[in-house]
PDB file of N, CA and C in Angstrom:
ATOM      1  N   MET A   1      89.498  88.520  87.993  1.00  0.00           N
ATOM      2  CA  MET A   1      89.499  89.615  88.637  1.00  0.00           C
ATOM      3  C   MET A   1      90.030  90.557  87.612  1.00  0.00           C
ATOM      4  N   LEU A   2      89.472  91.734  86.698  1.00  0.00           N
ATOM      5  CA  LEU A   2      89.096  93.079  85.707  1.00  0.00           C
ATOM      6  C   LEU A   2      90.961  93.132  85.691  1.00  0.00           C
ATOM      7  N   GLY A   3      91.271  93.904  84.956  1.00  0.00           N
ATOM      8  CA  GLY A   3      92.108  95.126  84.341  1.00  0.00           C
ATOM      9  C   GLY A   3      91.925  96.023  84.536  1.00  0.00           C
ATOM     10  N   GLU A   4      93.100  96.928  84.679  1.00  0.00           N
ATOM     11  CA  GLU A   4      92.511  98.454  84.715  1.00  0.00           C
ATOM     12  C   GLU A   4      91.850  98.879  83.743  1.00  0.00           C
ATOM     13  N   PHE A   5      91.868  98.399  82.089  1.00  0.00           N
ATOM     14  CA  PHE A   5      91.523  99.502  81.122  1.00  0.00           C
ATOM     15  C   PHE A   5      89.559  98.849  80.769  1.00  0.00           C
ATOM     16  N   GLU A   6      90.083  96.881  81.609  1.00  0.00           N
ATOM     17  CA  GLU A   6      88.217  96.559  81.560  1.00  0.00           C
ATOM     18  C   GLU A   6      87.891  96.968  82.322  1.00  0.00           C
ATOM     19  N   TYR A   7      87.950  97.374  83.326  1.00  0.00           N
ATOM     20  CA  TYR A   7      86.824  98.510  84.542  1.00  0.00           C
ATOM     21  C   TYR A   7      87.082  99.912  84.101  1.00  0.00           C
ATOM     22  N   LEU A   8      87.894 100.738  83.609  1.00  0.00           N
ATOM     23  CA  LEU A   8      87.086 102.033  83.079  1.00  0.00           C
ATOM     24  C   LEU A   8      86.052 102.047  81.394  1.00  0.00           C
ATOM     25  N   ILE A   9      86.486 100.781  80.907  1.00  0.00           N
ATOM     26  CA  ILE A   9      85.315 100.519  79.520  1.00  0.00           C
ATOM     27  C   ILE A   9      83.771 100.196  80.277  1.00  0.00           C
ATOM     28  N   LEU A  10      84.517  99.758  81.968  1.00  0.00           N
ATOM     29  CA  LEU A  10      83.203  99.190  82.140  1.00  0.00           C
ATOM     30  C   LEU A  10      82.195 100.114  82.664  1.00  0.00           C
ATOM     31  N   THR A  11      82.620 100.924  83.538  1.00  0.00           N
ATOM     32  CA  THR A  11      82.430 102.113  84.066  1.00  0.00           C
ATOM     33  C   THR A  11      81.794 103.434  83.329  1.00  0.00           C
ATOM     34  N   ALA A  12      82.984 103.975  82.187  1.00  0.00           N
ATOM     35  CA  ALA A  12      81.886 104.516  81.613  1.00  0.00           C
ATOM     36  C   ALA A  12      80.949 104.503  80.251  1.00  0.00           C
ATOM     37  N   ALA A  13      80.992 102.731  80.093  1.00  0.00           N
ATOM     38  CA  ALA A  13      79.172 102.529  79.297  1.00  0.00           C
ATOM     39  C   ALA A  13      78.094 102.572  81.110  1.00  0.00           C
ATOM     40  N   ALA A  14      78.555 102.285  82.232  1.00  0.00           N
ATOM     41  CA  ALA A  14      78.233 102.179  83.432  1.00  0.00           C
ATOM     42  C   ALA A  14      77.472 104.635  83.245  1.00  0.00           C
ATOM     43  N   ARG A  15      78.941 104.888  82.939  1.00  0.00           N
ATOM     44  CA  ARG A  15      78.495 106.601  83.675  1.00  0.00           C
ATOM     45  C   ARG A  15      77.282 106.220  82.093  1.00  0.00           C
ATOM     46  N   LEU A  16      77.524 106.646  81.397  1.00  0.00           N
ATOM     47  CA  LEU A  16      76.870 106.799  80.039  1.00  0.00           C
ATOM     48  C   LEU A  16      75.351 106.461  79.757  1.00  0.00           C
ATOM     49  N   GLY A  17      75.300 105.630  80.231  1.00  0.00           N
ATOM     50  CA  GLY A  17      73.735 104.863  80.846  1.00  0.00           C
ATOM     51  C   GLY A  17      73.687 104.570  78.772  1.00  0.00           C
ATOM     52  N   GLU A  18      72.072 104.464  78.601  1.00  0.00           N
ATOM     53  CA  GLU A  18      71.968 104.325  77.488  1.00  0.00           C
ATOM     54  C   GLU A  18      72.125 104.700  76.674  1.00  0.00           C
ATOM     55  N   ASP A  19      73.542 106.041  76.911  1.00  0.00           N
ATOM     56  CA  ASP A  19      74.183 106.816  75.569  1.00  0.00           C
ATOM     57  C   ASP A  19      75.545 106.421  75.412  1.00  0.00           C
ATOM     58  N   ALA A  20      76.168 104.698  75.745  1.00  0.00           N
ATOM     59  CA  ALA A  20      76.641 104.013  76.278  1.00  0.00           C
ATOM     60  C   ALA A  20      76.946 103.783  74.318  1.00  0.00           C
ATOM     61  N   TYR A  21      78.551 103.879  73.742  1.00  0.00           N
ATOM     62  CA  TYR A  21      78.601 103.563  72.841  1.00  0.00           C
ATOM     63  C   TYR A  21      79.927 103.992  72.258  1.00  0.00           C
ATOM     64  N   GLY A  22      80.748 103.070  71.289  1.00  0.00           N
ATOM     65  CA  GLY A  22      82.686 102.900  71.379  1.00  0.00           C
ATOM     66  C   GLY A  22      83.409 105.030  71.480  1.00  0.00           C
ATOM     67  N   ALA A  23      82.298 105.594  70.712  1.00  0.00           N
ATOM     68  CA  ALA A  23      83.176 106.738  70.805  1.00  0.00           C
ATOM     69  C   ALA A  23      83.241 107.759  72.331  1.00  0.00           C
ATOM     70  N   ALA A  24      81.625 107.910  72.745  1.00  0.00           N
ATOM     71  CA  ALA A  24      81.431 108.499  73.937  1.00  0.00           C
ATOM     72  C   ALA A  24      82.288 108.190  75.081  1.00  0.00           C
ATOM     73  N   MET A  25      82.053 106.438  75.053  1.00  0.00           N
ATOM     74  CA  MET A  25      82.828 105.880  75.404  1.00  0.00           C
ATOM     75  C   MET A  25      84.203 106.368  75.429  1.00  0.00           C
ATOM     76  N   ARG A  26      85.322 106.353  74.946  1.00  0.00           N
ATOM     77  CA  ARG A  26      86.356 106.451  74.449  1.00  0.00           C
ATOM     78  C   ARG A  26      86.696 108.204  74.887  1.00  0.00           C
ATOM     79  N   GLN A  27      85.803 108.487  74.107  1.00  0.00           N
ATOM     80  CA  GLN A  27      85.984 110.319  75.177  1.00  0.00           C
ATOM     81  C   GLN A  27      85.816 110.434  76.917  1.00  0.00           C
ATOM     82  N   GLU A  28      85.297 109.510  77.173  1.00  0.00           N
ATOM     83  CA  GLU A  28      84.683 109.144  78.619  1.00  0.00           C
ATOM     84  C   GLU A  28      86.134 109.032  79.347  1.00  0.00           C
ATOM     85  N   ILE A  29      86.575 107.668  78.584  1.00  0.00           N
ATOM     86  CA  ILE A  29      87.991 107.411  79.198  1.00  0.00           C
ATOM     87  C   ILE A  29      89.038 108.379  79.664  1.00  0.00           C
ATOM     88  N   GLU A  30      88.925 109.756  77.826  1.00  0.00           N
ATOM     89  CA  GLU A  30      89.823 109.756  77.976  1.00  0.00           C
ATOM     90  C   GLU A  30      90.001 111.288  79.101  1.00  0.00           C
ATOM     91  N   GLY A  31      88.885 112.014  79.029  1.00  0.00           N
ATOM     92  CA  GLY A  31      88.679 112.485  80.055  1.00  0.00           C
ATOM     93  C   GLY A  31      88.967 112.025  81.884  1.00  0.00           C
ATOM     94  N   ALA A  32      89.089 111.008  81.866  1.00  0.00           N
ATOM     95  CA  ALA A  32      89.077 110.806  83.326  1.00  0.00           C
ATOM     96  C   ALA A  32      90.835 110.477  83.863  1.00  0.00           C
ATOM     97  N   ILE A  33      91.501 109.760  82.881  1.00  0.00           N
ATOM     98  CA  ILE A  33      92.649 108.821  81.947  1.00  0.00           C
ATOM     99  C   ILE A  33      93.837 110.114  82.104  1.00  0.00           C
ATOM    100  N   ARG A  34      93.318 111.500  81.343  1.00  0.00           N
ATOM    101  CA  ARG A  34      93.919 112.802  80.736  1.00  0.00           C
ATOM    102  C   ARG A  34      95.270 112.079  79.493  1.00  0.00           C
ATOM    103  N   ARG A  35      94.913 111.032  79.061  1.00  0.00           N
ATOM    104  CA  ARG A  35      95.852 110.120  77.469  1.00  0.00           C
ATOM    105  C   ARG A  35      94.517 109.432  77.439  1.00  0.00           C
ATOM    106  N   ARG A  36      95.514 109.821  76.040  1.00  0.00           N
ATOM    107  CA  ARG A  36      94.798 108.872  74.386  1.00  0.00           C
ATOM    108  C   ARG A  36      94.169 107.528  74.961  1.00  0.00           C
ATOM    109  N   CYS A  37      93.421 107.648  74.731  1.00  0.00           N
ATOM    110  CA  CYS A  37      92.593 105.835  74.525  1.00  0.00           C
ATOM    111  C   CYS A  37      92.212 105.837  73.468  1.00  0.00           C
ATOM    112  N   SER A  38      93.248 104.069  72.998  1.00  0.00           N
ATOM    113  CA  SER A  38      92.679 104.112  71.363  1.00  0.00           C
ATOM    114  C   SER A  38      91.502 103.307  70.988  1.00  0.00           C
ATOM    115  N   ILE A  39      90.849 103.552  69.789  1.00  0.00           N
ATOM    116  CA  ILE A  39      89.346 102.937  69.794  1.00  0.00           C
ATOM    117  C   ILE A  39      89.746 101.473  69.453  1.00  0.00           C
ATOM    118  N   GLY A  40      90.365 100.697  68.638  1.00  0.00           N
ATOM    119  CA  GLY A  40      91.509  99.806  68.796  1.00  0.00           C
ATOM    120  C   GLY A  40      91.005  99.064  69.766  1.00  0.00           C
ATOM    121  N   ALA A  41      91.641  99.290  70.805  1.00  0.00           N
ATOM    122  CA  ALA A  41      91.922  99.450  72.310  1.00  0.00           C
ATOM    123  C   ALA A  41      90.566  98.840  72.597  1.00  0.00           C
ATOM    124  N   LEU A  42      89.564  99.509  72.489  1.00  0.00           N
ATOM    125  CA  LEU A  42      88.706  99.977  72.728  1.00  0.00           C
ATOM    126  C   LEU A  42      88.183  99.176  72.851  1.00  0.00           C
ATOM    127  N   TYR A  43      87.247  98.434  71.614  1.00  0.00           N
ATOM    128  CA  TYR A  43      86.468  97.718  70.647  1.00  0.00           C
ATOM    129  C   TYR A  43      87.245  95.951  70.767  1.00  0.00           C
ATOM    130  N   THR A  44      88.895  96.680  71.310  1.00  0.00           N
ATOM    131  CA  THR A  44      89.332  94.806  71.463  1.00  0.00           C
ATOM    132  C   THR A  44      88.649  94.040  72.941  1.00  0.00           C
ATOM    133  N   THR A  45      88.773  95.004  74.030  1.00  0.00           N
ATOM    134  CA  THR A  45      88.611  95.138  75.133  1.00  0.00           C
ATOM    135  C   THR A  45      86.973  94.716  75.164  1.00  0.00           C
ATOM    136  N   LEU A  46      86.379  95.507  74.688  1.00  0.00           N
ATOM    137  CA  LEU A  46      84.592  95.264  74.547  1.00  0.00           C
ATOM    138  C   LEU A  46      84.763  93.945  74.388  1.00  0.00           C
ATOM    139  N   ASP A  47      85.173  93.691  73.187  1.00  0.00           N
ATOM    140  CA  ASP A  47      85.132  92.034  72.878  1.00  0.00           C
ATOM    141  C   ASP A  47      85.323  91.354  73.628  1.00  0.00           C
ATOM    142  N   ARG A  48      86.346  92.265  74.544  1.00  0.00           N
ATOM    143  CA  ARG A  48      86.536  90.443  75.669  1.00  0.00           C
ATOM    144  C   ARG A  48      85.839  89.975  76.474  1.00  0.00           C
ATOM    145  N   LEU A  49      85.230  91.498  77.169  1.00  0.00           N
ATOM    146  CA  LEU A  49      84.281  92.278  77.883  1.00  0.00           C
ATOM    147  C   LEU A  49      83.231  90.887  77.308  1.00  0.00           C
ATOM    148  N   GLU A  50      82.570  91.237  76.761  1.00  0.00           N
ATOM    149  CA  GLU A  50      81.279  90.656  76.186  1.00  0.00           C
ATOM    150  C   GLU A  50      81.507  89.391  75.979  1.00  0.00           C
ATOM    151  N   ALA A  51      82.422  88.392  75.751  1.00  0.00           N
ATOM    152  CA  ALA A  51      82.832  87.035  75.111  1.00  0.00           C
ATOM    153  C   ALA A  51      82.366  86.330  76.679  1.00  0.00           C
ATOM    154  N   LYS A  52      83.196  87.219  77.989  1.00  0.00           N
ATOM    155  CA  LYS A  52      82.900  87.154  79.105  1.00  0.00           C
ATOM    156  C   LYS A  52      81.527  86.855  80.831  1.00  0.00           C
ATOM    157  N   GLY A  53      80.619  87.729  79.291  1.00  0.00           N
ATOM    158  CA  GLY A  53      79.138  88.489  79.897  1.00  0.00           C
ATOM    159  C   GLY A  53      79.942  89.144  80.645  1.00  0.00           C
ATOM    160  N   PHE A  54      80.382  90.675  80.547  1.00  0.00           N
ATOM    161  CA  PHE A  54      79.869  91.262  81.106  1.00  0.00           C
ATOM    162  C   PHE A  54      79.412  92.785  80.777  1.00  0.00           C
ATOM    163  N   VAL A  55      79.370  92.669  79.424  1.00  0.00           N
ATOM    164  CA  VAL A  55      78.955  93.585  78.271  1.00  0.00           C
ATOM    165  C   VAL A  55      77.598  92.397  77.802  1.00  0.00           C
ATOM    166  N   LYS A  56      76.862  93.390  77.727  1.00  0.00           N
ATOM    167  CA  LYS A  56      76.400  93.130  76.399  1.00  0.00           C
ATOM    168  C   LYS A  56      76.154  95.232  75.606  1.00  0.00           C
ATOM    169  N   THR A  57      76.637  94.385  73.498  1.00  0.00           N
ATOM    170  CA  THR A  57      76.473  95.063  73.037  1.00  0.00           C
ATOM    171  C   THR A  57      75.248  94.882  72.065  1.00  0.00           C
ATOM    172  N   TRP A  58      74.956  95.352  71.239  1.00  0.00           N
ATOM    173  CA  TRP A  58      73.464  95.671  70.154  1.00  0.00           C
ATOM    174  C   TRP A  58      74.351  96.558  68.764  1.00  0.00           C
ATOM    175  N   MET A  59      74.157  96.536  67.415  1.00  0.00           N
ATOM    176  CA  MET A  59      73.881  97.652  66.793  1.00  0.00           C
ATOM    177  C   MET A  59      72.493  98.796  66.834  1.00  0.00           C
ATOM    178  N   GLY A  60      73.121  99.820  66.931  1.00  0.00           N
ATOM    179  CA  GLY A  60      72.293 101.287  66.846  1.00  0.00           C
ATOM    180  C   GLY A  60      71.570 101.042  66.057  1.00  0.00           C
ATOM    181  N   ASP A  61      70.790 102.280  65.778  1.00  0.00           N
ATOM    182  CA  ASP A  61      69.869 103.016  64.466  1.00  0.00           C
ATOM    183  C   ASP A  61      70.720 103.407  64.218  1.00  0.00           C
ATOM    184  N   PRO A  62      71.439 103.403  62.307  1.00  0.00           N
ATOM    185  CA  PRO A  62      71.969 104.374  61.480  1.00  0.00           C
ATOM    186  C   PRO A  62      71.304 106.301  62.044  1.00  0.00           C
ATOM    187  N   THR A  63      72.366 106.988  62.046  1.00  0.00           N
ATOM    188  CA  THR A  63      72.672 108.354  61.973  1.00  0.00           C
ATOM    189  C   THR A  63      72.855 109.191  61.241  1.00  0.00           C
ATOM    190  N   PRO A  64      72.083 110.023  60.845  1.00  0.00           N
ATOM    191  CA  PRO A  64      72.589 110.885  59.376  1.00  0.00           C
ATOM    192  C   PRO A  64      74.304 111.671  60.350  1.00  0.00           C
ATOM    193  N   GLN A  65      74.536 111.666  61.463  1.00  0.00           N
ATOM    194  CA  GLN A  65      75.872 112.497  61.587  1.00  0.00           C
ATOM    195  C   GLN A  65      76.433 111.322  61.474  1.00  0.00           C
ATOM    196  N   ARG A  66      77.047 110.154  61.989  1.00  0.00           N
ATOM    197  CA  ARG A  66      77.959 109.034  61.729  1.00  0.00           C
ATOM    198  C   ARG A  66      77.772 108.587  59.894  1.00  0.00           C
ATOM    199  N   GLY A  67      76.741 109.361  58.637  1.00  0.00           N
ATOM    200  CA  GLY A  67      77.245 108.766  57.016  1.00  0.00           C
ATOM    201  C   GLY A  67      75.552 107.445  57.038  1.00  0.00           C
ATOM    202  N   GLY A  68      74.763 107.868  57.860  1.00  0.00           N
ATOM    203  CA  GLY A  68      74.532 106.717  57.778  1.00  0.00           C
ATOM    204  C   GLY A  68      74.280 105.004  58.846  1.00  0.00           C
ATOM    205  N   ARG A  69      75.673 105.873  59.428  1.00  0.00           N
ATOM    206  CA  ARG A  69      76.008 104.410  60.471  1.00  0.00           C
ATOM    207  C   ARG A  69      75.651 103.698  61.360  1.00  0.00           C
ATOM    208  N   PRO A  70      75.150 103.237  61.815  1.00  0.00           N
ATOM    209  CA  PRO A  70      74.975 102.382  63.143  1.00  0.00           C
ATOM    210  C   PRO A  70      75.755 102.975  64.108  1.00  0.00           C
ATOM    211  N   LYS A  71      75.903 102.603  65.511  1.00  0.00           N
ATOM    212  CA  LYS A  71      76.285 102.705  66.612  1.00  0.00           C
ATOM    213  C   LYS A  71      76.196 101.410  67.423  1.00  0.00           C
ATOM    214  N   ARG A  72      77.930 101.464  68.082  1.00  0.00           N
ATOM    215  CA  ARG A  72      76.909  99.444  68.619  1.00  0.00           C
ATOM    216  C   ARG A  72      77.456 100.205  69.869  1.00  0.00           C
ATOM    217  N   MET A  73      75.848  99.951  70.191  1.00  0.00           N
ATOM    218  CA  MET A  73      75.527 100.300  72.344  1.00  0.00           C
ATOM    219  C   MET A  73      75.837  99.586  73.054  1.00  0.00           C
ATOM    220  N   VAL A  74      76.204  99.861  73.772  1.00  0.00           N
ATOM    221  CA  VAL A  74      76.810  98.612  75.451  1.00  0.00           C
ATOM    222  C   VAL A  74      75.869  99.159  76.490  1.00  0.00           C
ATOM    223  N   ARG A  75      75.830  97.702  77.115  1.00  0.00           N
ATOM    224  CA  ARG A  75      75.244  97.869  78.425  1.00  0.00           C
ATOM    225  C   ARG A  75      75.870  97.012  79.429  1.00  0.00           C
ATOM    226  N   VAL A  76      75.920  97.175  80.286  1.00  0.00           N
ATOM    227  CA  VAL A  76      76.963  96.555  81.429  1.00  0.00           C
ATOM    228  C   VAL A  76      75.892  95.395  81.835  1.00  0.00           C
ATOM    229  N   THR A  77      76.089  94.287  82.364  1.00  0.00           N
ATOM    230  CA  THR A  77      74.995  93.039  82.471  1.00  0.00           C
ATOM    231  C   THR A  77      75.622  93.203  84.194  1.00  0.00           C
ATOM    232  N   GLY A  78      74.509  92.048  84.724  1.00  0.00           N
ATOM    233  CA  GLY A  78      74.803  92.101  85.865  1.00  0.00           C
ATOM    234  C   GLY A  78      76.311  91.243  86.351  1.00  0.00           C
ATOM    235  N   LYS A  79      76.517  90.503  86.268  1.00  0.00           N
ATOM    236  CA  LYS A  79      78.117  90.007  85.821  1.00  0.00           C
ATOM    237  C   LYS A  79      78.513  91.154  85.841  1.00  0.00           C
ATOM    238  N   GLY A  80      78.881  91.836  85.151  1.00  0.00           N
ATOM    239  CA  GLY A  80      79.764  93.021  85.071  1.00  0.00           C
ATOM    240  C   GLY A  80      79.725  93.528  85.811  1.00  0.00           C
ATOM    241  N   ALA A  81      79.021  94.276  86.348  1.00  0.00           N
ATOM    242  CA  ALA A  81      78.779  95.306  87.404  1.00  0.00           C
ATOM    243  C   ALA A  81      79.198  94.559  88.837  1.00  0.00           C
ATOM    244  N   GLU A  82      78.817  93.455  89.155  1.00  0.00           N
ATOM    245  CA  GLU A  82      79.714  92.511  90.167  1.00  0.00           C
ATOM    246  C   GLU A  82      81.504  92.922  90.193  1.00  0.00           C
ATOM    247  N   ALA A  83      81.440  92.308  89.047  1.00  0.00           N
ATOM    248  CA  ALA A  83      83.113  92.711  88.602  1.00  0.00           C
ATOM    249  C   ALA A  83      83.693  93.516  88.567  1.00  0.00           C
ATOM    250  N   ALA A  84      83.072  94.521  88.039  1.00  0.00           N
ATOM    251  CA  ALA A  84      83.980  95.850  88.797  1.00  0.00           C
ATOM    252  C   ALA A  84      83.773  96.595  89.999  1.00  0.00           C
ATOM    253  N   ALA A  85      82.370  95.880  90.717  1.00  0.00           N
ATOM    254  CA  ALA A  85      82.859  96.702  91.889  1.00  0.00           C
ATOM    255  C   ALA A  85      83.180  95.320  92.997  1.00  0.00           C
ATOM    256  N   GLU A  86      84.469  94.475  92.186  1.00  0.00           N
ATOM    257  CA  GLU A  86      84.670  93.389  93.524  1.00  0.00           C
ATOM    258  C   GLU A  86      86.160  94.219  92.564  1.00  0.00           C
ATOM    259  N   PHE A  87      86.849  94.553  91.795  1.00  0.00           N
ATOM    260  CA  PHE A  87      87.812  95.707  91.660  1.00  0.00           C
ATOM    261  C   PHE A  87      87.837  96.768  92.228  1.00  0.00           C
ATOM    262  N   TYR A  88      86.859  97.098  92.381  1.00  0.00           N
ATOM    263  CA  TYR A  88      86.743  98.755  92.325  1.00  0.00           C
ATOM    264  C   TYR A  88      87.220  98.535  94.631  1.00  0.00           C
ATOM    265  N   ASN A  89      86.847  97.884  94.656  1.00  0.00           N
ATOM    266  CA  ASN A  89      86.695  97.276  96.517  1.00  0.00           C
ATOM    267  C   ASN A  89      88.335  96.804  97.104  1.00  0.00           C
ATOM    268  N   ALA A  90      89.093  96.149  95.869  1.00  0.00           N
ATOM    269  CA  ALA A  90      90.042  95.198  95.768  1.00  0.00           C
ATOM    270  C   ALA A  90      91.163  96.288  96.029  1.00  0.00           C
ATOM    271  N   VAL A  91      91.134  97.171  94.689  1.00  0.00           N
ATOM    272  CA  VAL A  91      91.770  98.961  94.908  1.00  0.00           C
ATOM    273  C   VAL A  91      91.383  99.729  95.736  1.00  0.00           C
ATOM    274  N   THR A  92      89.975 100.145  96.355  1.00  0.00           N
ATOM    275  CA  THR A  92      90.130 100.322  97.822  1.00  0.00           C
ATOM    276  C   THR A  92      90.528 100.246  99.262  1.00  0.00           C
ATOM    277  N   ARG A  93      90.301  98.439  99.421  1.00  0.00           N
ATOM    278  CA  ARG A  93      91.270  97.715 100.432  1.00  0.00           C
ATOM    279  C   ARG A  93      92.506  98.132 100.303  1.00  0.00           C
ATOM    280  N   VAL A  94      93.209  97.642  99.497  1.00  0.00           N
ATOM    281  CA  VAL A  94      94.617  98.580  99.092  1.00  0.00           C
ATOM    282  C   VAL A  94      94.608  99.041  99.498  1.00  0.00           C
ATOM    283  N   SER A  95      94.644  99.882  99.411  1.00  0.00           N
ATOM    284  CA  SER A  95      94.799 101.968  99.181  1.00  0.00           C
ATOM    285  C   SER A  95      94.631 102.232 100.205  1.00  0.00           C
ATOM    286  N   ARG A  96      94.277 101.660 101.580  1.00  0.00           N
ATOM    287  CA  ARG A  96      93.534 101.847 103.089  1.00  0.00           C
ATOM    288  C   ARG A  96      94.921 102.620 103.506  1.00  0.00           C
ATOM    289  N   GLY A  97      94.965 103.952 103.964  1.00  0.00           N
ATOM    290  CA  GLY A  97      96.202 104.266 104.555  1.00  0.00           C
ATOM    291  C   GLY A  97      97.698 104.612 103.502  1.00  0.00           C
ATOM    292  N   VAL A  98      97.811 104.602 102.101  1.00  0.00           N
ATOM    293  CA  VAL A  98      98.646 105.184 101.711  1.00  0.00           C
ATOM    294  C   VAL A  98      98.315 106.450 100.914  1.00  0.00           C
ATOM    295  N   ALA A  99      99.320 106.923 100.864  1.00  0.00           N
ATOM    296  CA  ALA A  99      98.758 108.856 100.443  1.00  0.00           C
ATOM    297  C   ALA A  99      99.801 108.997  99.429  1.00  0.00           C
ATOM    298  N   TRP A 100      99.602 108.709  98.246  1.00  0.00           N
ATOM    299  CA  TRP A 100     100.735 108.798  97.435  1.00  0.00           C
ATOM    300  C   TRP A 100     101.187 110.583  97.335  1.00  0.00           C
ATOM    301  N   SER A 101     102.071 110.670  96.619  1.00  0.00           N
ATOM    302  CA  SER A 101     103.095 111.775  96.349  1.00  0.00           C
ATOM    303  C   SER A 101     104.382 111.193  95.226  1.00  0.00           C
ATOM    304  N   LYS A 102     104.154 112.811  94.499  1.00  0.00           N
ATOM    305  CA  LYS A 102     105.016 111.931  94.148  1.00  0.00           C
ATOM    306  C   LYS A 102     106.539 112.911  94.328  1.00  0.00           C
ATOM    307  N   ARG A 103     106.770 112.353  95.477  1.00  0.00           N
ATOM    308  CA  ARG A 103     107.774 112.599  96.241  1.00  0.00           C
ATOM    309  C   ARG A 103     108.782 111.106  96.584  1.00  0.00           C
ATOM    310  N   ILE A 104     107.921 110.257  96.282  1.00  0.00           N
ATOM    311  CA  ILE A 104     107.198 108.261  97.317  1.00  0.00           C
ATOM    312  C   ILE A 104     108.605 107.873  96.173  1.00  0.00           C
ATOM    313  N   GLU A 105     109.750 107.830  97.165  1.00  0.00           N
ATOM    314  CA  GLU A 105     110.309 106.935  95.835  1.00  0.00           C
ATOM    315  C   GLU A 105     110.536 105.789  95.992  1.00  0.00           C
ATOM    316  N   VAL A 106     110.299 104.870  95.248  1.00  0.00           N
ATOM    317  CA  VAL A 106     110.417 103.704  95.724  1.00  0.00           C
ATOM    318  C   VAL A 106     111.443 102.604  95.151  1.00  0.00           C
ATOM    319  N   ARG A 107     111.989 101.854  96.516  1.00  0.00           N
ATOM    320  CA  ARG A 107     113.225 101.517  96.282  1.00  0.00           C
ATOM    321  C   ARG A 107     113.395  99.568  95.938  1.00  0.00           C
ATOM    322  N   PRO A 108     114.560  99.111  95.134  1.00  0.00           N
ATOM    323  CA  PRO A 108     114.426  98.010  94.672  1.00  0.00           C
ATOM    324  C   PRO A 108     114.701  97.698  96.217  1.00  0.00           C
TER     325      PRO A 108
END
């Protein structure tokens, strides 16, 4: 099963489509979770997702905006989409009937 951060990366890449690359994905994730996302953690997790076959990455064309450096482009594979759907469905199932509130206190 995917971890939460892996799911966020897959979802960001899927939402961005052909424009999915590290910095854009980082912005997408930060906008969703409303906190900082380390670019190092993003790329480390991206490497792990690629090793699992959940994403495919390649170097795009160099751009003048990046000082002639290429972007590392990302595409979610079918296997990655399946893993993300399984994660989403599991969270949805376990969350049924739960109404989270800041007043809920978890006791040991």
